[in-house]
Amino acid sequence: MTARRRGPYQNVVLTADALAELRQFEERSLDVLAQVFRLLEQLDNGTLQPTRLQNFANTGDLTDCGKIVVLVDGEPEHRIVVRDLGGSFQVSDVVAVDNRTNDLPCLLAGRLERQGDPIRRSDASRRIARIRRALDQPDET
């Protein structure tokens, strides 16, 4: 499990992996980064409710996670994946933030070690690397 770090929020905690992804947005898109923080603030104060995820074959069971859509004009669609820590997302771990291409954020959420099969974990890691290469992003998984 990745380290967690409390930020300026009361009910939202950023994992170390999510923080690293957010730092990449400083170079990729400040507009997306600003929108992510606006959405996290809404999640923190209870005015935003993520859409629950499912048990996916390629990522494992993400039923305790939800997605938040990040839309910014002129930018590809992004997703924030959060894990419910307190019932109805009252307290949330931000576990992934990235371009939604090929379900990249859900694959990244697989870092929660939900994928019990080592072959599927390895396949997910390879898929993440391929997607990041296609998006011209550094592979830090």
Protein backbone atom coordinates (compact mmCIF):
# COMPACT_ATOMS: atom_id res chain seq x y z
CA MET A 1 0.00 0.00 0.00
CA THR A 2 1.23 3.48 -0.78
CA ALA A 3 1.89 6.11 1.83
CA ARG A 4 -0.88 8.61 2.56
CA ARG A 5 -0.44 12.28 3.20
CA ARG A 6 -3.00 14.65 4.58
CA GLY A 7 -3.12 17.89 2.67
CA PRO A 8 -5.22 21.01 3.06
CA TYR A 9 -8.39 18.91 3.24
CA GLN A 10 -10.30 17.54 6.22
CA ASN A 11 -11.79 14.47 4.54
CA VAL A 12 -9.58 13.85 1.52
CA VAL A 13 -6.18 12.20 1.76
CA LEU A 14 -3.73 12.05 -1.15
CA THR A 15 -1.63 8.92 -1.62
CA ALA A 16 2.03 9.39 -2.50
CA ASP A 17 1.31 8.01 -5.98
CA ALA A 18 -1.55 10.48 -6.52
CA LEU A 19 0.69 13.36 -5.38
CA ALA A 20 3.34 12.28 -7.88
CA GLU A 21 0.73 12.24 -10.65
CA LEU A 22 -0.49 15.69 -9.65
CA ARG A 23 3.08 17.02 -9.80
CA GLN A 24 3.27 15.85 -13.43
CA PHE A 25 0.32 18.10 -14.26
CA GLU A 26 2.47 21.13 -13.43
CA GLU A 27 4.20 20.44 -16.76
CA ARG A 28 1.26 18.89 -18.65
CA SER A 29 -1.68 21.20 -17.90
CA LEU A 30 -2.14 23.78 -15.17
CA ASP A 31 -5.80 24.09 -16.20
CA VAL A 32 -6.42 20.38 -15.50
CA LEU A 33 -4.50 20.64 -12.23
CA ALA A 34 -6.61 23.62 -11.10
CA GLN A 35 -9.83 21.77 -11.98
CA VAL A 36 -8.65 18.67 -10.08
CA PHE A 37 -8.10 20.76 -6.95
CA ARG A 38 -11.52 22.42 -7.36
CA LEU A 39 -13.15 19.01 -7.57
CA LEU A 40 -11.19 17.69 -4.59
CA GLU A 41 -12.36 20.69 -2.58
CA GLN A 42 -15.96 19.86 -3.51
CA LEU A 43 -15.38 16.23 -2.52
CA ASP A 44 -13.88 17.38 0.77
CA ASN A 45 -16.83 19.58 1.68
CA GLY A 46 -19.39 16.97 0.64
CA THR A 47 -20.87 18.74 -2.38
CA LEU A 48 -19.50 16.19 -4.88
CA GLN A 49 -20.24 12.46 -4.87
CA PRO A 50 -18.05 10.16 -7.01
CA THR A 51 -19.59 7.53 -9.29
CA ARG A 52 -18.97 4.06 -7.85
CA LEU A 53 -16.68 1.73 -9.77
CA GLN A 54 -17.13 -2.00 -10.32
CA ASN A 55 -15.17 -5.22 -10.07
CA PHE A 56 -13.19 -5.10 -13.32
CA ALA A 57 -11.20 -8.02 -14.69
CA ASN A 58 -8.21 -5.85 -15.60
CA THR A 59 -7.99 -3.91 -12.31
CA GLY A 60 -9.53 -6.12 -9.66
CA ASP A 61 -12.30 -5.18 -7.27
CA LEU A 62 -12.72 -1.41 -7.18
CA THR A 63 -16.21 -1.43 -5.64
CA ASP A 64 -14.98 0.66 -2.70
CA CYS A 65 -13.69 3.26 -5.19
CA GLY A 66 -15.33 5.94 -7.25
CA LYS A 67 -14.45 8.12 -10.21
CA ILE A 68 -14.71 11.84 -10.67
CA VAL A 69 -14.71 13.17 -14.23
CA VAL A 70 -12.37 16.10 -14.93
CA LEU A 71 -13.41 18.16 -17.95
CA VAL A 72 -11.42 21.15 -19.19
CA ASP A 73 -11.99 22.76 -22.59
CA GLY A 74 -9.26 21.85 -25.04
CA GLU A 75 -7.88 19.04 -22.86
CA PRO A 76 -8.44 15.28 -22.97
CA GLU A 77 -10.89 13.95 -20.42
CA HIS A 78 -9.28 12.95 -17.12
CA ARG A 79 -10.39 10.90 -14.12
CA ILE A 80 -9.75 11.08 -10.41
CA VAL A 81 -10.10 7.71 -8.68
CA VAL A 82 -10.86 7.85 -4.97
CA ARG A 83 -11.28 5.11 -2.37
CA ASP A 84 -14.09 5.36 0.16
CA LEU A 85 -12.67 5.21 3.69
CA GLY A 86 -15.68 6.35 5.68
CA GLY A 87 -18.93 5.32 4.02
CA SER A 88 -20.49 7.29 1.16
CA PHE A 89 -17.13 8.91 0.45
CA GLN A 90 -17.21 10.92 3.67
CA VAL A 91 -13.47 10.30 3.91
CA SER A 92 -11.59 9.50 0.70
CA ASP A 93 -8.14 8.45 -0.44
CA VAL A 94 -7.18 9.91 -3.81
CA VAL A 95 -5.44 6.98 -5.47
CA ALA A 96 -5.07 8.00 -9.13
CA VAL A 97 -5.38 11.06 -11.35
CA ASP A 98 -4.73 10.80 -15.07
CA ASN A 99 -5.95 10.95 -18.65
CA ARG A 100 -8.85 8.51 -19.04
CA THR A 101 -7.36 6.95 -22.21
CA ASN A 102 -7.63 3.16 -22.12
CA ASP A 103 -8.88 3.24 -18.51
CA LEU A 104 -5.47 4.42 -17.28
CA PRO A 105 -6.76 5.79 -13.94
CA CYS A 106 -8.53 2.49 -13.13
CA LEU A 107 -5.41 0.55 -14.04
CA LEU A 108 -3.42 2.85 -11.77
CA ALA A 109 -5.96 2.24 -8.99
CA GLY A 110 -4.89 -1.39 -9.26
CA ARG A 111 -1.95 -0.25 -7.12
CA LEU A 112 -4.30 -0.94 -4.23
CA GLU A 113 -3.15 -4.53 -4.78
CA ARG A 114 -6.64 -5.75 -5.62
CA GLN A 115 -5.32 -7.89 -8.44
CA GLY A 116 -4.47 -11.18 -6.72
CA ASP A 117 -3.22 -12.93 -9.85
CA PRO A 118 0.47 -12.04 -10.46
CA ILE A 119 0.04 -12.54 -14.21
CA ARG A 120 -2.79 -10.00 -14.31
CA ARG A 121 -0.74 -7.58 -12.17
CA SER A 122 2.15 -7.92 -14.59
CA ASP A 123 -0.19 -7.46 -17.57
CA ALA A 124 -1.66 -4.33 -15.97
CA SER A 125 1.85 -2.92 -15.43
CA ARG A 126 2.71 -3.53 -19.08
CA ARG A 127 -0.56 -1.91 -20.21
CA ILE A 128 0.15 1.15 -18.04
CA ALA A 129 3.64 1.46 -19.55
CA ARG A 130 2.23 1.17 -23.12
CA ILE A 131 -0.48 3.75 -22.47
CA ARG A 132 1.99 6.18 -20.91
CA ARG A 133 4.36 5.77 -23.85
CA ALA A 134 1.48 6.46 -26.26
CA LEU A 135 0.57 9.56 -24.22
CA ASP A 136 4.27 10.56 -24.07
CA GLN A 137 4.26 10.43 -20.25
CA PRO A 138 7.06 9.11 -18.05
CA ASP A 139 6.39 5.62 -16.68
CA GLU A 140 6.75 5.80 -12.91
CA THR A 141 4.88 2.62 -11.91
